[in-house]
């Protein structure tokens, strides 16, 4: 019985347990199968990268106070961060890798960089 490649339909030549005619077809097939999960990861990483760049650009001294409006003007998305740190006094810092922010009163944020 002749086996056909599930990606391109070509005849498969070689070992009996071979499923694809080439590495290209195998990669193309698996990329299609895993597209949705990879898109979620890619989109999340892109959002984290943009947020990180925003914090890095605005926090040039290692400790800066900015308004929420300024962060939003840079398309900062408050739903994406990598970790949360709560101090003994109850302050909650949100981090994107080593760049963090602390919500303050009156829509201000303290931007900090972890040393």
Protein backbone atom coordinates (compact mmCIF):
# COMPACT_ATOMS: atom_id res chain seq x y z
CA UNK A 1 0.00 0.00 0.00
CA UNK A 2 1.35 3.42 -0.96
CA UNK A 3 1.51 6.05 1.84
CA UNK A 4 0.89 9.71 1.05
CA UNK A 5 2.21 12.77 2.85
CA UNK A 6 -0.57 14.37 4.96
CA UNK A 7 0.74 17.85 4.12
CA UNK A 8 1.29 17.82 0.35
CA UNK A 9 -0.11 14.46 -0.78
CA UNK A 10 3.16 13.24 -2.34
CA UNK A 11 4.21 9.61 -2.22
CA UNK A 12 6.39 8.80 0.82
CA UNK A 13 9.64 7.02 0.04
CA UNK A 14 11.79 5.53 2.78
CA UNK A 15 11.17 3.85 6.10
CA UNK A 16 7.80 2.20 6.71
CA UNK A 17 7.00 4.35 9.74
CA UNK A 18 7.83 7.62 7.95
CA UNK A 19 4.83 10.00 8.04
CA UNK A 20 5.95 12.92 5.84
CA UNK A 21 7.83 13.17 2.56
CA UNK A 22 10.26 15.84 3.84
CA UNK A 23 11.26 17.92 6.84
CA UNK A 24 9.58 20.92 5.22
CA UNK A 25 6.19 19.13 5.10
CA UNK A 26 6.60 17.84 8.67
CA UNK A 27 7.35 21.36 9.96
CA UNK A 28 4.55 22.95 7.94
CA UNK A 29 2.03 20.38 9.21
CA UNK A 30 3.06 20.77 12.86
CA UNK A 31 3.08 24.57 12.61
CA UNK A 32 -0.53 24.47 11.40
CA UNK A 33 -1.53 22.12 14.22
CA UNK A 34 0.11 24.25 16.93
CA UNK A 35 -0.79 27.67 15.49
CA UNK A 36 -3.39 28.69 18.11
CA UNK A 37 -1.30 27.95 21.20
CA UNK A 38 1.79 29.55 19.66
CA UNK A 39 -0.17 32.68 18.74
CA UNK A 40 -1.29 33.13 22.34
CA UNK A 41 2.29 32.84 23.58
CA UNK A 42 3.62 35.11 20.84
CA UNK A 43 0.99 37.79 21.53
CA UNK A 44 1.61 37.65 25.29
CA UNK A 45 5.37 37.95 24.84
CA UNK A 46 4.93 40.88 22.45
CA UNK A 47 2.71 42.69 24.97
CA UNK A 48 5.22 42.06 27.78
CA UNK A 49 8.04 43.34 25.54
CA UNK A 50 6.12 46.55 24.78
CA UNK A 51 5.29 47.11 28.45
CA UNK A 52 8.93 46.52 29.41
CA UNK A 53 10.12 49.02 26.80
CA UNK A 54 7.63 51.61 28.07
CA UNK A 55 8.82 51.24 31.67
CA UNK A 56 12.49 51.31 30.58
CA UNK A 57 11.99 54.43 28.46
CA UNK A 58 10.14 56.32 31.18
CA UNK A 59 12.34 55.19 34.08
CA UNK A 60 15.81 56.42 33.12
CA UNK A 61 17.03 57.08 36.70
CA UNK A 62 15.97 53.83 38.37
CA UNK A 63 13.15 55.52 40.31
CA UNK A 64 10.59 57.79 38.62
CA UNK A 65 7.08 59.03 39.35
CA UNK A 66 4.65 59.20 36.38
CA UNK A 67 0.93 59.57 35.82
CA UNK A 68 -1.38 56.81 34.65
CA UNK A 69 -2.19 58.95 31.60
CA UNK A 70 1.48 59.01 30.59
CA UNK A 71 1.66 55.22 30.78
CA UNK A 72 -1.57 54.88 28.79
CA UNK A 73 -0.25 57.32 26.17
CA UNK A 74 2.58 54.82 25.62
CA UNK A 75 -0.06 52.04 25.20
CA UNK A 76 0.91 50.42 28.50
CA UNK A 77 -1.32 47.44 29.31
CA UNK A 78 -1.77 46.95 33.07
CA UNK A 79 -3.05 43.37 32.65
CA UNK A 80 0.36 42.01 31.55
CA UNK A 81 3.14 41.59 34.10
CA UNK A 82 5.52 38.80 35.12
CA UNK A 83 5.40 38.94 38.93
CA UNK A 84 3.88 40.63 41.96
CA UNK A 85 5.76 41.57 45.12
CA UNK A 86 3.96 42.65 48.29
CA UNK A 87 6.03 44.33 51.00
CA UNK A 88 5.55 43.89 54.76
CA UNK A 89 3.80 47.28 54.81
CA UNK A 90 1.25 46.09 52.24
CA UNK A 91 2.56 47.88 49.14
CA UNK A 92 2.06 45.78 46.00
CA UNK A 93 4.66 46.14 43.24
CA UNK A 94 3.97 44.76 39.77
CA UNK A 95 7.03 43.68 37.80
CA UNK A 96 7.83 43.03 34.18
CA UNK A 97 11.12 41.22 34.61
CA UNK A 98 13.33 43.77 36.44
CA UNK A 99 11.17 46.84 35.73
CA UNK A 100 8.39 47.46 38.24
CA UNK A 101 5.65 49.88 39.15
CA UNK A 102 3.77 50.74 42.33
CA UNK A 103 0.30 52.32 42.14
CA UNK A 104 0.21 55.51 44.22
CA UNK A 105 -2.58 57.97 45.06
CA UNK A 106 -4.19 60.29 42.51
CA UNK A 107 -3.41 58.08 39.48
CA UNK A 108 0.36 58.27 39.94
CA UNK A 109 2.78 55.37 39.65
CA UNK A 110 6.25 54.92 41.03
CA UNK A 111 8.48 53.22 38.45
CA UNK A 112 11.44 51.29 39.84
CA UNK A 113 14.18 49.02 38.57
CA UNK A 114 15.20 45.94 40.54
CA UNK A 115 18.95 45.87 41.18
